[in-house]
Amino acid sequence: MDGIFFDPAVFAAPGTFAVGLLVLAASVWAIFLGYLADEARMGRPSSWPELPLPEVTATKRAAEEVKLSKAA
């Protein structure tokens, strides 16, 4: 059984191994894109640039609540 994995005759040409890796990478990429499409369809942000910016009014409100004491 170990001879199957290490025997170079299993891969008829070195390009066959490279093509196999390419097909594997393409299938993993397709699964990842499908996951992103499902997330986008449900309305969830898939990366940080899609997150909403914090509102400016929240920071203004916090700044108004701070009361400064007068210096003696």
N, C-alpha and C. Protein backbone atom coordinates (compact mmCIF):
# COMPACT_ATOMS: atom_id res chain seq x y z
N MET A 1 0.82 -1.20 0.00
CA MET A 1 0.00 0.00 0.00
C MET A 1 0.87 1.27 0.00
N ASP A 2 2.00 1.23 0.71
CA ASP A 2 2.86 2.41 0.75
C ASP A 2 3.51 2.67 -0.61
N GLY A 3 3.69 1.64 -1.39
CA GLY A 3 4.30 1.81 -2.70
C GLY A 3 3.45 2.60 -3.66
N ILE A 4 2.15 2.62 -3.45
CA ILE A 4 1.27 3.38 -4.33
C ILE A 4 1.53 4.88 -4.18
N PHE A 5 1.76 5.32 -2.96
CA PHE A 5 1.94 6.75 -2.74
C PHE A 5 3.31 7.24 -3.18
N PHE A 6 4.32 6.38 -3.12
CA PHE A 6 5.68 6.82 -3.41
C PHE A 6 6.18 6.39 -4.79
N ASP A 7 5.41 5.63 -5.51
CA ASP A 7 5.83 5.14 -6.80
C ASP A 7 5.64 6.24 -7.85
N PRO A 8 6.68 6.66 -8.53
CA PRO A 8 6.52 7.72 -9.53
C PRO A 8 5.70 7.28 -10.74
N ALA A 9 5.52 5.98 -10.92
CA ALA A 9 4.73 5.52 -12.06
C ALA A 9 3.24 5.83 -11.88
N VAL A 10 2.83 6.10 -10.63
CA VAL A 10 1.42 6.44 -10.39
C VAL A 10 1.09 7.74 -11.11
N PHE A 11 2.03 8.68 -11.08
CA PHE A 11 1.85 9.94 -11.80
C PHE A 11 2.57 9.77 -13.14
N ALA A 12 1.81 9.59 -14.19
CA ALA A 12 2.41 9.29 -15.49
C ALA A 12 3.39 10.37 -15.92
N ALA A 13 3.08 11.59 -15.60
CA ALA A 13 3.98 12.70 -15.93
C ALA A 13 3.95 13.67 -14.75
N PRO A 14 5.01 14.45 -14.57
CA PRO A 14 4.99 15.42 -13.47
C PRO A 14 3.86 16.43 -13.60
N GLY A 15 3.45 16.68 -14.81
CA GLY A 15 2.34 17.61 -15.03
C GLY A 15 1.02 17.08 -14.50
N THR A 16 0.88 15.78 -14.44
CA THR A 16 -0.36 15.19 -13.93
C THR A 16 -0.56 15.55 -12.46
N PHE A 17 0.50 15.51 -11.70
CA PHE A 17 0.43 15.89 -10.29
C PHE A 17 0.06 17.37 -10.17
N ALA A 18 0.67 18.21 -10.98
CA ALA A 18 0.38 19.65 -10.95
C ALA A 18 -1.07 19.93 -11.33
N VAL A 19 -1.57 19.21 -12.31
CA VAL A 19 -2.97 19.39 -12.73
C VAL A 19 -3.90 18.94 -11.61
N GLY A 20 -3.54 17.87 -10.93
CA GLY A 20 -4.35 17.41 -9.80
C GLY A 20 -4.42 18.44 -8.69
N LEU A 21 -3.28 19.05 -8.38
CA LEU A 21 -3.28 20.12 -7.38
C LEU A 21 -4.08 21.33 -7.84
N LEU A 22 -4.02 21.62 -9.11
CA LEU A 22 -4.78 22.74 -9.65
C LEU A 22 -6.28 22.49 -9.56
N VAL A 23 -6.70 21.28 -9.85
CA VAL A 23 -8.12 20.93 -9.75
C VAL A 23 -8.57 20.98 -8.29
N LEU A 24 -7.72 20.51 -7.39
CA LEU A 24 -8.05 20.57 -5.96
C LEU A 24 -8.19 22.02 -5.49
N ALA A 25 -7.27 22.87 -5.89
CA ALA A 25 -7.33 24.29 -5.51
C ALA A 25 -8.58 24.96 -6.09
N ALA A 26 -8.93 24.63 -7.32
CA ALA A 26 -10.11 25.22 -7.94
C ALA A 26 -11.39 24.79 -7.22
N SER A 27 -11.44 23.53 -6.80
CA SER A 27 -12.64 23.07 -6.10
C SER A 27 -12.75 23.70 -4.72
N VAL A 28 -11.64 23.87 -4.02
CA VAL A 28 -11.67 24.55 -2.72
C VAL A 28 -12.09 26.00 -2.90
N TRP A 29 -11.60 26.65 -3.94
CA TRP A 29 -11.97 28.04 -4.22
C TRP A 29 -13.45 28.16 -4.54
N ALA A 30 -14.00 27.21 -5.29
CA ALA A 30 -15.42 27.24 -5.63
C ALA A 30 -16.28 27.05 -4.38
N ILE A 31 -15.87 26.19 -3.48
CA ILE A 31 -16.61 26.01 -2.23
C ILE A 31 -16.56 27.28 -1.40
N PHE A 32 -15.41 27.94 -1.35
CA PHE A 32 -15.28 29.19 -0.61
C PHE A 32 -16.17 30.29 -1.21
N LEU A 33 -16.19 30.39 -2.53
CA LEU A 33 -17.05 31.40 -3.17
C LEU A 33 -18.52 31.11 -2.94
N GLY A 34 -18.88 29.83 -2.91
CA GLY A 34 -20.26 29.47 -2.60
C GLY A 34 -20.65 29.87 -1.19
N TYR A 35 -19.72 29.69 -0.25
CA TYR A 35 -19.97 30.13 1.12
C TYR A 35 -20.16 31.65 1.18
N LEU A 36 -19.32 32.39 0.48
CA LEU A 36 -19.46 33.85 0.47
C LEU A 36 -20.77 34.29 -0.17
N ALA A 37 -21.22 33.58 -1.21
CA ALA A 37 -22.49 33.91 -1.85
C ALA A 37 -23.65 33.67 -0.90
N ASP A 38 -23.59 32.59 -0.12
CA ASP A 38 -24.64 32.33 0.86
C ASP A 38 -24.67 33.41 1.94
N GLU A 39 -23.51 33.83 2.39
CA GLU A 39 -23.44 34.89 3.40
C GLU A 39 -24.00 36.20 2.84
N ALA A 40 -23.69 36.52 1.61
CA ALA A 40 -24.18 37.76 0.99
C ALA A 40 -25.69 37.70 0.79
N ARG A 41 -26.21 36.52 0.46
CA ARG A 41 -27.65 36.38 0.25
C ARG A 41 -28.40 36.58 1.56
N MET A 42 -27.82 36.16 2.68
CA MET A 42 -28.47 36.33 3.98
C MET A 42 -28.27 37.74 4.55
N GLY A 43 -27.46 38.55 3.87
CA GLY A 43 -27.27 39.93 4.30
C GLY A 43 -26.17 40.12 5.32
N ARG A 44 -25.38 39.12 5.57
CA ARG A 44 -24.28 39.25 6.53
C ARG A 44 -23.05 39.81 5.83
N PRO A 45 -22.33 40.69 6.49
CA PRO A 45 -21.09 41.20 5.88
C PRO A 45 -20.03 40.10 5.86
N SER A 46 -19.31 39.99 4.75
CA SER A 46 -18.31 38.93 4.63
C SER A 46 -16.90 39.41 4.97
N SER A 47 -16.70 40.71 5.05
CA SER A 47 -15.38 41.22 5.42
C SER A 47 -15.55 42.55 6.15
N TRP A 48 -14.50 43.01 6.77
CA TRP A 48 -14.61 44.20 7.60
C TRP A 48 -14.96 45.48 6.84
N PRO A 49 -14.60 45.66 5.55
CA PRO A 49 -15.02 46.91 4.89
C PRO A 49 -16.53 47.02 4.71
N GLU A 50 -17.24 45.90 4.79
CA GLU A 50 -18.69 45.94 4.62
C GLU A 50 -19.42 46.25 5.91
N LEU A 51 -18.72 46.31 7.03
CA LEU A 51 -19.37 46.61 8.30
C LEU A 51 -19.77 48.08 8.33
N PRO A 52 -20.87 48.41 9.00
CA PRO A 52 -21.28 49.81 9.05
C PRO A 52 -20.34 50.64 9.92
N LEU A 53 -20.20 51.89 9.55
CA LEU A 53 -19.37 52.80 10.32
C LEU A 53 -20.11 53.23 11.58
N PRO A 54 -19.40 53.49 12.65
CA PRO A 54 -20.09 53.97 13.85
C PRO A 54 -20.68 55.35 13.59
N GLU A 55 -21.82 55.60 14.20
CA GLU A 55 -22.49 56.88 13.97
C GLU A 55 -21.78 58.00 14.70
N VAL A 56 -21.76 59.16 14.09
CA VAL A 56 -21.09 60.31 14.67
C VAL A 56 -21.89 60.83 15.85
N THR A 57 -23.20 60.68 15.83
CA THR A 57 -24.04 61.22 16.90
C THR A 57 -23.73 60.55 18.23
N ALA A 58 -23.33 59.30 18.22
CA ALA A 58 -23.01 58.61 19.47
C ALA A 58 -21.79 59.24 20.13
N THR A 59 -20.82 59.64 19.36
CA THR A 59 -19.63 60.27 19.95
C THR A 59 -19.94 61.69 20.40
N LYS A 60 -20.80 62.40 19.68
CA LYS A 60 -21.18 63.75 20.11
C LYS A 60 -21.94 63.68 21.43
N ARG A 61 -22.83 62.71 21.54
CA ARG A 61 -23.61 62.56 22.76
C ARG A 61 -22.69 62.26 23.94
N ALA A 62 -21.70 61.43 23.74
CA ALA A 62 -20.75 61.11 24.82
C ALA A 62 -19.93 62.34 25.20
N ALA A 63 -19.60 63.16 24.24
CA ALA A 63 -18.82 64.37 24.53
C ALA A 63 -19.66 65.39 25.28
N GLU A 64 -20.97 65.44 25.03
CA GLU A 64 -21.82 66.39 25.72
C GLU A 64 -22.04 65.98 27.17
N GLU A 65 -21.98 64.68 27.46
CA GLU A 65 -22.22 64.21 28.82
C GLU A 65 -21.05 64.52 29.75
N VAL A 66 -19.90 64.74 29.20
CA VAL A 66 -18.74 65.04 30.04
C VAL A 66 -18.85 66.48 30.52
N LYS A 67 -18.87 66.65 31.84
CA LYS A 67 -18.97 68.00 32.41
C LYS A 67 -17.60 68.36 32.98
N LEU A 68 -17.14 69.50 32.56
CA LEU A 68 -15.86 69.97 33.04
C LEU A 68 -16.07 70.86 34.26
N SER A 69 -15.26 70.66 35.27
CA SER A 69 -15.35 71.52 36.46
C SER A 69 -14.49 72.75 36.23
N LYS A 70 -14.93 73.84 36.83
CA LYS A 70 -14.19 75.10 36.68
C LYS A 70 -12.95 75.07 37.55
N ALA A 71 -11.91 75.64 37.06
CA ALA A 71 -10.66 75.70 37.83
C ALA A 71 -10.83 76.72 38.95
N ALA A 72 -10.26 76.45 40.08
CA ALA A 72 -10.41 77.36 41.24
C ALA A 72 -9.55 78.57 41.12
